[in-house]
Amino acid sequence: MILGGWGKVLSQTQTFDALIIVQSLFPLYFLISLTKRLHMESYILQWAILQRMVYSGGKVAGLVFLIAVTQFVLGLIVAEALYPGYSVSDNYISDLGVGPSSVVFNSSVFLLGLLLLIGIYFLRHTTDFKTVNMLLVLMAVGAMGAGVFTKDFTIAHGAVSSMAFLFAGLSAIASFKVVKKPLSLISLVLGAMALGALALFSCGLITSGSLTSNIAYDSIFFLGLGPGGMEHMIVYPPLMWLTGFGGYLVAQQER
């Protein structure tokens, strides 16, 4: 009987001790749970901020792209007006980089490349545009190079201008997979037009002997447009695409 009584007392004591341990551990469990919840909420908040930065960055990039194209087109028009006897058909665009129009044209084309790089910076968090961004960087470097190395630097100018032409068309085509219809189809067509014109322009330069000369000679590959006209067919389609692409980014709704 005595042993049985002590057994009950001991059992009650152990139960009481267990309750005390549980009660002492409960605040610790609550604190751990609260910490985890705070970490989760902080992660969600950071993710929301990052997403907002991505979409806000896209809008800024789109605006910068629109400014880049606008100032270049206006600069091109002014430069053509300042160049005595300039012919869209017979003169290269790069002719505007020397003579009385040089300051306007070279500044405008360099600024085009610089603004593209700024816009690309704001798109750096958008993984969907990674390929387009890489191609646009190469286009921007080529454009800035064309503003530095004018027509007088024959080899260097030919390299950077070809770089700008090629990657401008490729940028438009690459955007086909990351923008919605109908802009995706328009981008594909404009990119193909630019690359097709570049191919004809290159063939015309080779067959006419203009490749090794600063003088523009006509060729059957220019399709009656002349060397300058075909070169404009390389430049304008990507500019049209970039305008549409910039408007697309600006119009994107924030999540």
C-alpha atoms as a PDB file:
ATOM      1  CA  MET A   1       0.000   0.000   0.000  1.00  0.00           C
ATOM      2  CA  ILE A   2       2.759   2.371   0.937  1.00  0.00           C
ATOM      3  CA  LEU A   3       4.674   1.550  -2.249  1.00  0.00           C
ATOM      4  CA  GLY A   4       1.511   2.040  -4.286  1.00  0.00           C
ATOM      5  CA  GLY A   5       0.968   5.487  -2.740  1.00  0.00           C
ATOM      6  CA  TRP A   6       4.529   6.532  -3.471  1.00  0.00           C
ATOM      7  CA  GLY A   7       4.085   5.318  -7.048  1.00  0.00           C
ATOM      8  CA  LYS A   8       1.055   7.526  -7.523  1.00  0.00           C
ATOM      9  CA  VAL A   9       2.869  10.506  -6.027  1.00  0.00           C
ATOM     10  CA  LEU A  10       5.866   9.879  -8.275  1.00  0.00           C
ATOM     11  CA  SER A  11       3.626   9.580 -11.351  1.00  0.00           C
ATOM     12  CA  GLN A  12       1.856  12.830 -10.523  1.00  0.00           C
ATOM     13  CA  THR A  13       5.193  14.535  -9.947  1.00  0.00           C
ATOM     14  CA  GLN A  14       6.511  13.395 -13.326  1.00  0.00           C
ATOM     15  CA  THR A  15       3.316  14.575 -15.022  1.00  0.00           C
ATOM     16  CA  PHE A  16       3.605  17.925 -13.303  1.00  0.00           C
ATOM     17  CA  ASP A  17       7.246  18.230 -14.345  1.00  0.00           C
ATOM     18  CA  ALA A  18       6.319  17.379 -17.930  1.00  0.00           C
ATOM     19  CA  LEU A  19       3.666  20.084 -17.917  1.00  0.00           C
ATOM     20  CA  ILE A  20       6.188  22.576 -16.631  1.00  0.00           C
ATOM     21  CA  ILE A  21       8.627  21.623 -19.401  1.00  0.00           C
ATOM     22  CA  VAL A  22       5.924  21.929 -22.069  1.00  0.00           C
ATOM     23  CA  GLN A  23       4.838  25.300 -20.699  1.00  0.00           C
ATOM     24  CA  SER A  24       8.449  26.501 -20.689  1.00  0.00           C
ATOM     25  CA  LEU A  25       8.970  25.329 -24.260  1.00  0.00           C
ATOM     26  CA  PHE A  26       5.745  26.881 -25.565  1.00  0.00           C
ATOM     27  CA  PRO A  27       7.077  30.490 -25.637  1.00  0.00           C
ATOM     28  CA  LEU A  28      10.181  29.235 -27.460  1.00  0.00           C
ATOM     29  CA  TYR A  29       8.018  27.410 -30.039  1.00  0.00           C
ATOM     30  CA  PHE A  30       5.863  30.505 -30.418  1.00  0.00           C
ATOM     31  CA  LEU A  31       8.956  32.663 -30.897  1.00  0.00           C
ATOM     32  CA  ILE A  32      10.355  30.293 -33.564  1.00  0.00           C
ATOM     33  CA  SER A  33       7.023  30.234 -35.383  1.00  0.00           C
ATOM     34  CA  LEU A  34       6.762  34.011 -35.260  1.00  0.00           C
ATOM     35  CA  THR A  35      10.317  34.373 -36.562  1.00  0.00           C
ATOM     36  CA  LYS A  36       9.602  32.031 -39.465  1.00  0.00           C
ATOM     37  CA  ARG A  37       6.434  33.932 -40.271  1.00  0.00           C
ATOM     38  CA  LEU A  38       8.266  37.251 -40.224  1.00  0.00           C
ATOM     39  CA  HIS A  39      10.961  35.829 -42.489  1.00  0.00           C
ATOM     40  CA  MET A  40       8.314  34.574 -44.898  1.00  0.00           C
ATOM     41  CA  GLU A  41       6.503  37.923 -44.924  1.00  0.00           C
ATOM     42  CA  SER A  42       9.810  39.717 -45.443  1.00  0.00           C
ATOM     43  CA  TYR A  43      10.627  37.427 -48.369  1.00  0.00           C
ATOM     44  CA  ILE A  44       7.218  38.035 -49.915  1.00  0.00           C
ATOM     45  CA  LEU A  45       7.632  41.797 -49.484  1.00  0.00           C
ATOM     46  CA  GLN A  46      11.094  41.738 -51.047  1.00  0.00           C
ATOM     47  CA  TRP A  47       9.778  39.683 -53.963  1.00  0.00           C
ATOM     48  CA  ALA A  48       6.899  42.121 -54.468  1.00  0.00           C
ATOM     49  CA  ILE A  49       9.315  45.066 -54.426  1.00  0.00           C
ATOM     50  CA  LEU A  50      11.596  43.300 -56.917  1.00  0.00           C
ATOM     51  CA  GLN A  51       8.677  42.553 -59.228  1.00  0.00           C
ATOM     52  CA  ARG A  52       7.572  46.174 -59.056  1.00  0.00           C
ATOM     53  CA  MET A  53      11.117  47.266 -59.851  1.00  0.00           C
ATOM     54  CA  VAL A  54      11.140  44.944 -62.868  1.00  0.00           C
ATOM     55  CA  TYR A  55       7.928  46.336 -64.317  1.00  0.00           C
ATOM     56  CA  SER A  56       8.748  49.928 -63.408  1.00  0.00           C
ATOM     57  CA  GLY A  57      12.180  49.416 -64.949  1.00  0.00           C
ATOM     58  CA  GLY A  58      10.505  48.163 -68.111  1.00  0.00           C
ATOM     59  CA  LYS A  59       8.467  51.340 -68.353  1.00  0.00           C
ATOM     60  CA  VAL A  60      11.562  53.509 -67.903  1.00  0.00           C
ATOM     61  CA  ALA A  61      13.421  51.451 -70.505  1.00  0.00           C
ATOM     62  CA  GLY A  62      10.561  51.830 -72.963  1.00  0.00           C
ATOM     63  CA  LEU A  63      10.502  55.583 -72.458  1.00  0.00           C
ATOM     64  CA  VAL A  64      14.263  55.813 -72.963  1.00  0.00           C
ATOM     65  CA  PHE A  65      14.017  53.753 -76.172  1.00  0.00           C
ATOM     66  CA  LEU A  66      11.332  56.107 -77.500  1.00  0.00           C
ATOM     67  CA  ILE A  67      13.490  59.131 -76.703  1.00  0.00           C
ATOM     68  CA  ALA A  68      16.489  57.462 -78.358  1.00  0.00           C
ATOM     69  CA  VAL A  69      14.648  56.836 -81.625  1.00  0.00           C
ATOM     70  CA  THR A  70      12.951  60.240 -81.661  1.00  0.00           C
ATOM     71  CA  GLN A  71      16.123  62.235 -81.198  1.00  0.00           C
ATOM     72  CA  PHE A  72      17.974  60.182 -83.813  1.00  0.00           C
ATOM     73  CA  VAL A  73      15.283  60.528 -86.480  1.00  0.00           C
ATOM     74  CA  LEU A  74      15.072  64.264 -85.861  1.00  0.00           C
ATOM     75  CA  GLY A  75      18.863  64.528 -85.878  1.00  0.00           C
ATOM     76  CA  LEU A  76      18.983  62.613 -89.170  1.00  0.00           C
ATOM     77  CA  ILE A  77      16.449  64.971 -90.755  1.00  0.00           C
ATOM     78  CA  VAL A  78      18.353  68.045 -89.573  1.00  0.00           C
ATOM     79  CA  ALA A  79      21.687  66.611 -90.726  1.00  0.00           C
ATOM     80  CA  GLU A  80      20.304  65.833 -94.197  1.00  0.00           C
ATOM     81  CA  ALA A  81      19.025  69.405 -94.425  1.00  0.00           C
ATOM     82  CA  LEU A  82      22.397  70.839 -93.385  1.00  0.00           C
ATOM     83  CA  TYR A  83      24.412  68.740 -95.849  1.00  0.00           C
ATOM     84  CA  PRO A  84      24.691  70.644 -99.178  1.00  0.00           C
ATOM     85  CA  GLY A  85      23.107  68.693-102.031  1.00  0.00           C
ATOM     86  CA  TYR A  86      22.516  65.576 -99.961  1.00  0.00           C
ATOM     87  CA  SER A  87      20.682  62.845-101.865  1.00  0.00           C
ATOM     88  CA  VAL A  88      18.879  60.068-100.006  1.00  0.00           C
ATOM     89  CA  SER A  89      19.440  57.851-103.035  1.00  0.00           C
ATOM     90  CA  ASP A  90      23.041  58.649-103.985  1.00  0.00           C
ATOM     91  CA  ASN A  91      24.690  59.456-100.644  1.00  0.00           C
ATOM     92  CA  TYR A  92      25.512  57.143 -97.773  1.00  0.00           C
ATOM     93  CA  ILE A  93      24.040  57.959 -94.391  1.00  0.00           C
ATOM     94  CA  SER A  94      27.613  58.090 -93.117  1.00  0.00           C
ATOM     95  CA  ASP A  95      28.288  61.026 -95.468  1.00  0.00           C
ATOM     96  CA  LEU A  96      26.404  63.079 -92.888  1.00  0.00           C
ATOM     97  CA  GLY A  97      29.184  62.359 -90.397  1.00  0.00           C
ATOM     98  CA  VAL A  98      31.569  64.693 -92.214  1.00  0.00           C
ATOM     99  CA  GLY A  99      31.133  68.290 -93.285  1.00  0.00           C
ATOM    100  CA  PRO A 100      28.627  70.843 -91.949  1.00  0.00           C
ATOM    101  CA  SER A 101      26.225  68.180 -90.691  1.00  0.00           C
ATOM    102  CA  SER A 102      28.842  66.205 -88.769  1.00  0.00           C
ATOM    103  CA  VAL A 103      28.213  67.652 -85.286  1.00  0.00           C
ATOM    104  CA  VAL A 104      24.481  67.006 -85.438  1.00  0.00           C
ATOM    105  CA  PHE A 105      24.702  63.535 -86.975  1.00  0.00           C
ATOM    106  CA  ASN A 106      27.625  62.179 -84.944  1.00  0.00           C
ATOM    107  CA  SER A 107      26.146  63.481 -81.697  1.00  0.00           C
ATOM    108  CA  SER A 108      22.740  62.021 -82.543  1.00  0.00           C
ATOM    109  CA  VAL A 109      23.982  58.552 -83.493  1.00  0.00           C
ATOM    110  CA  PHE A 110      26.279  58.396 -80.453  1.00  0.00           C
ATOM    111  CA  LEU A 111      23.402  59.464 -78.208  1.00  0.00           C
ATOM    112  CA  LEU A 112      21.243  56.754 -79.796  1.00  0.00           C
ATOM    113  CA  GLY A 113      23.699  54.103 -78.650  1.00  0.00           C
ATOM    114  CA  LEU A 114      24.140  55.651 -75.222  1.00  0.00           C
ATOM    115  CA  LEU A 115      20.394  55.852 -74.570  1.00  0.00           C
ATOM    116  CA  LEU A 116      19.997  52.244 -75.686  1.00  0.00           C
ATOM    117  CA  LEU A 117      22.542  51.183 -73.076  1.00  0.00           C
ATOM    118  CA  ILE A 118      20.689  53.162 -70.407  1.00  0.00           C
ATOM    119  CA  GLY A 119      17.402  51.546 -71.394  1.00  0.00           C
ATOM    120  CA  ILE A 120      19.001  48.093 -71.354  1.00  0.00           C
ATOM    121  CA  TYR A 121      20.247  48.781 -67.815  1.00  0.00           C
ATOM    122  CA  PHE A 122      16.658  49.203 -66.628  1.00  0.00           C
ATOM    123  CA  LEU A 123      15.712  45.914 -68.327  1.00  0.00           C
ATOM    124  CA  ARG A 124      18.511  43.928 -66.666  1.00  0.00           C
ATOM    125  CA  HIS A 125      16.146  42.216 -64.161  1.00  0.00           C
ATOM    126  CA  THR A 126      13.773  41.019 -66.891  1.00  0.00           C
ATOM    127  CA  THR A 127      14.976  37.536 -67.818  1.00  0.00           C
ATOM    128  CA  ASP A 128      12.516  37.275 -70.724  1.00  0.00           C
ATOM    129  CA  PHE A 129      14.455  39.966 -72.583  1.00  0.00           C
ATOM    130  CA  LYS A 130      17.930  38.584 -71.871  1.00  0.00           C
ATOM    131  CA  THR A 131      18.681  37.667 -75.498  1.00  0.00           C
ATOM    132  CA  VAL A 132      17.186  40.896 -76.824  1.00  0.00           C
ATOM    133  CA  ASN A 133      19.225  42.883 -74.317  1.00  0.00           C
ATOM    134  CA  MET A 134      22.472  41.229 -75.398  1.00  0.00           C
ATOM    135  CA  LEU A 135      21.768  41.968 -79.059  1.00  0.00           C
ATOM    136  CA  LEU A 136      20.749  45.544 -78.265  1.00  0.00           C
ATOM    137  CA  VAL A 137      24.022  46.060 -76.390  1.00  0.00           C
ATOM    138  CA  LEU A 138      25.949  45.094 -79.519  1.00  0.00           C
ATOM    139  CA  MET A 139      23.744  47.365 -81.616  1.00  0.00           C
ATOM    140  CA  ALA A 140      24.308  50.225 -79.154  1.00  0.00           C
ATOM    141  CA  VAL A 141      28.084  49.750 -79.177  1.00  0.00           C
ATOM    142  CA  GLY A 142      28.031  49.783 -82.982  1.00  0.00           C
ATOM    143  CA  ALA A 143      25.956  52.971 -83.053  1.00  0.00           C
ATOM    144  CA  MET A 144      28.251  54.739 -80.606  1.00  0.00           C
ATOM    145  CA  GLY A 145      31.233  53.557 -82.619  1.00  0.00           C
ATOM    146  CA  ALA A 146      29.719  54.996 -85.806  1.00  0.00           C
ATOM    147  CA  GLY A 147      29.483  58.360 -84.066  1.00  0.00           C
ATOM    148  CA  VAL A 148      33.158  58.218 -83.100  1.00  0.00           C
ATOM    149  CA  PHE A 149      34.698  56.575 -86.156  1.00  0.00           C
ATOM    150  CA  THR A 150      33.320  58.575 -89.059  1.00  0.00           C
ATOM    151  CA  LYS A 151      33.460  57.754 -92.751  1.00  0.00           C
ATOM    152  CA  ASP A 152      37.084  58.954 -92.864  1.00  0.00           C
ATOM    153  CA  PHE A 153      38.069  55.903 -90.784  1.00  0.00           C
ATOM    154  CA  THR A 154      37.121  53.496 -93.567  1.00  0.00           C
ATOM    155  CA  ILE A 155      37.787  50.104 -91.963  1.00  0.00           C
ATOM    156  CA  ALA A 156      36.751  51.027 -88.427  1.00  0.00           C
ATOM    157  CA  HIS A 157      33.606  52.795 -89.605  1.00  0.00           C
ATOM    158  CA  GLY A 158      32.647  49.888 -91.820  1.00  0.00           C
ATOM    159  CA  ALA A 159      33.067  47.464 -88.909  1.00  0.00           C
ATOM    160  CA  VAL A 160      31.021  49.393 -86.325  1.00  0.00           C
ATOM    161  CA  SER A 161      28.270  50.411 -88.743  1.00  0.00           C
ATOM    162  CA  SER A 162      27.914  46.816 -89.967  1.00  0.00           C
ATOM    163  CA  MET A 163      27.766  45.741 -86.339  1.00  0.00           C
ATOM    164  CA  ALA A 164      24.947  48.198 -85.644  1.00  0.00           C
ATOM    165  CA  PHE A 165      23.025  47.178 -88.779  1.00  0.00           C
ATOM    166  CA  LEU A 166      23.315  43.429 -88.159  1.00  0.00           C
ATOM    167  CA  PHE A 167      22.404  43.368 -84.493  1.00  0.00           C
ATOM    168  CA  ALA A 168      19.591  45.871 -84.951  1.00  0.00           C
ATOM    169  CA  GLY A 169      17.846  43.449 -87.289  1.00  0.00           C
ATOM    170  CA  LEU A 170      18.613  40.467 -85.067  1.00  0.00           C
ATOM    171  CA  SER A 171      17.226  42.309 -82.019  1.00  0.00           C
ATOM    172  CA  ALA A 172      13.915  42.820 -83.774  1.00  0.00           C
ATOM    173  CA  ILE A 173      13.724  39.153 -84.779  1.00  0.00           C
ATOM    174  CA  ALA A 174      14.723  37.939 -81.292  1.00  0.00           C
ATOM    175  CA  SER A 175      11.878  39.921 -79.725  1.00  0.00           C
ATOM    176  CA  PHE A 176       9.418  37.767 -81.674  1.00  0.00           C
ATOM    177  CA  LYS A 177       9.299  35.237 -78.815  1.00  0.00           C
ATOM    178  CA  VAL A 178       8.976  37.691 -75.923  1.00  0.00           C
ATOM    179  CA  VAL A 179       6.326  40.168 -77.089  1.00  0.00           C
ATOM    180  CA  LYS A 180       2.673  39.529 -77.791  1.00  0.00           C
ATOM    181  CA  LYS A 181       0.871  39.591 -81.119  1.00  0.00           C
ATOM    182  CA  PRO A 182       0.569  41.559 -83.323  1.00  0.00           C
ATOM    183  CA  LEU A 183       3.857  43.228 -82.317  1.00  0.00           C
ATOM    184  CA  SER A 184       5.668  39.882 -82.432  1.00  0.00           C
ATOM    185  CA  LEU A 185       4.752  39.383 -86.096  1.00  0.00           C
ATOM    186  CA  ILE A 186       5.561  42.995 -86.953  1.00  0.00           C
ATOM    187  CA  SER A 187       8.941  42.642 -85.226  1.00  0.00           C
ATOM    188  CA  LEU A 188       9.727  39.536 -87.242  1.00  0.00           C
ATOM    189  CA  VAL A 189       8.846  41.244 -90.531  1.00  0.00           C
ATOM    190  CA  LEU A 190      10.799  44.420 -89.735  1.00  0.00           C
ATOM    191  CA  GLY A 191      13.854  42.445 -88.620  1.00  0.00           C
ATOM    192  CA  ALA A 192      13.743  40.331 -91.773  1.00  0.00           C
ATOM    193  CA  MET A 193      13.428  43.469 -93.910  1.00  0.00           C
ATOM    194  CA  ALA A 194      16.494  44.990 -92.250  1.00  0.00           C
ATOM    195  CA  LEU A 195      18.619  41.868 -92.695  1.00  0.00           C
ATOM    196  CA  GLY A 196      17.420  41.409 -96.278  1.00  0.00           C
ATOM    197  CA  ALA A 197      18.317  45.005 -97.095  1.00  0.00           C
ATOM    198  CA  LEU A 198      21.698  44.523 -95.406  1.00  0.00           C
ATOM    199  CA  ALA A 199      22.388  41.473 -97.582  1.00  0.00           C
ATOM    200  CA  LEU A 200      21.462  43.377-100.775  1.00  0.00           C
ATOM    201  CA  PHE A 201      23.464  46.409 -99.644  1.00  0.00           C
ATOM    202  CA  SER A 202      26.553  44.260 -99.010  1.00  0.00           C
ATOM    203  CA  CYS A 203      26.246  42.545-102.387  1.00  0.00           C
ATOM    204  CA  GLY A 204      25.851  45.929-104.046  1.00  0.00           C
ATOM    205  CA  LEU A 205      28.969  47.308-102.371  1.00  0.00           C
ATOM    206  CA  ILE A 206      31.025  44.301-103.476  1.00  0.00           C
ATOM    207  CA  THR A 207      29.837  44.165-107.080  1.00  0.00           C
ATOM    208  CA  SER A 208      30.024  47.912-107.657  1.00  0.00           C
ATOM    209  CA  GLY A 209      33.488  48.346-106.158  1.00  0.00           C
ATOM    210  CA  SER A 210      32.177  50.729-103.483  1.00  0.00           C
ATOM    211  CA  LEU A 211      33.434  48.484-100.697  1.00  0.00           C
ATOM    212  CA  THR A 212      36.998  49.779-101.047  1.00  0.00           C
ATOM    213  CA  SER A 213      36.010  53.343-101.924  1.00  0.00           C
ATOM    214  CA  ASN A 214      34.395  56.288-100.174  1.00  0.00           C
ATOM    215  CA  ILE A 215      32.396  56.964-103.329  1.00  0.00           C
ATOM    216  CA  ALA A 216      28.968  55.316-103.630  1.00  0.00           C
ATOM    217  CA  TYR A 217      28.434  53.535-106.952  1.00  0.00           C
ATOM    218  CA  ASP A 218      25.098  52.166-108.053  1.00  0.00           C
ATOM    219  CA  SER A 219      24.399  48.453-108.412  1.00  0.00           C
ATOM    220  CA  ILE A 220      21.589  46.197-109.585  1.00  0.00           C
ATOM    221  CA  PHE A 221      21.384  44.899-106.007  1.00  0.00           C
ATOM    222  CA  PHE A 222      20.166  48.297-104.814  1.00  0.00           C
ATOM    223  CA  LEU A 223      16.896  47.674-106.707  1.00  0.00           C
ATOM    224  CA  GLY A 224      16.771  51.180-108.148  1.00  0.00           C
ATOM    225  CA  LEU A 225      16.954  52.803-104.702  1.00  0.00           C
ATOM    226  CA  GLY A 226      20.611  53.681-104.987  1.00  0.00           C
ATOM    227  CA  PRO A 227      23.207  52.943-102.288  1.00  0.00           C
ATOM    228  CA  GLY A 228      21.773  55.550 -99.947  1.00  0.00           C
ATOM    229  CA  GLY A 229      18.200  54.405-100.440  1.00  0.00           C
ATOM    230  CA  MET A 230      19.099  50.775 -99.699  1.00  0.00           C
ATOM    231  CA  GLU A 231      21.054  51.842 -96.614  1.00  0.00           C
ATOM    232  CA  HIS A 232      17.983  53.684 -95.368  1.00  0.00           C
ATOM    233  CA  MET A 233      16.042  50.434 -95.808  1.00  0.00           C
ATOM    234  CA  ILE A 234      18.489  48.854 -93.366  1.00  0.00           C
ATOM    235  CA  VAL A 235      18.138  51.611 -90.778  1.00  0.00           C
ATOM    236  CA  TYR A 236      14.445  52.483 -90.710  1.00  0.00           C
ATOM    237  CA  PRO A 237      12.837  49.053 -90.032  1.00  0.00           C
ATOM    238  CA  PRO A 238      14.773  48.516 -86.757  1.00  0.00           C
ATOM    239  CA  LEU A 239      13.942  52.076 -85.702  1.00  0.00           C
ATOM    240  CA  MET A 240      10.259  51.352 -86.323  1.00  0.00           C
ATOM    241  CA  TRP A 241      10.575  48.149 -84.301  1.00  0.00           C
ATOM    242  CA  LEU A 242      12.363  49.917 -81.472  1.00  0.00           C
ATOM    243  CA  THR A 243       9.559  52.487 -81.351  1.00  0.00           C
ATOM    244  CA  GLY A 244       6.956  49.738 -81.102  1.00  0.00           C
ATOM    245  CA  PHE A 245       9.031  47.813 -78.564  1.00  0.00           C
ATOM    246  CA  GLY A 246       9.435  50.924 -76.421  1.00  0.00           C
ATOM    247  CA  GLY A 247       5.694  51.573 -76.525  1.00  0.00           C
ATOM    248  CA  TYR A 248       5.080  47.927 -75.607  1.00  0.00           C
ATOM    249  CA  LEU A 249       7.274  48.241 -72.516  1.00  0.00           C
ATOM    250  CA  VAL A 250       5.655  51.516 -71.456  1.00  0.00           C
ATOM    251  CA  ALA A 251       2.166  50.031 -71.830  1.00  0.00           C
ATOM    252  CA  GLN A 252       2.926  46.960 -69.706  1.00  0.00           C
ATOM    253  CA  GLN A 253       0.735  46.855 -66.603  1.00  0.00           C
ATOM    254  CA  GLU A 254       2.411  46.601 -63.229  1.00  0.00           C
ATOM    255  CA  ARG A 255       1.560  43.541 -61.210  1.00  0.00           C
END
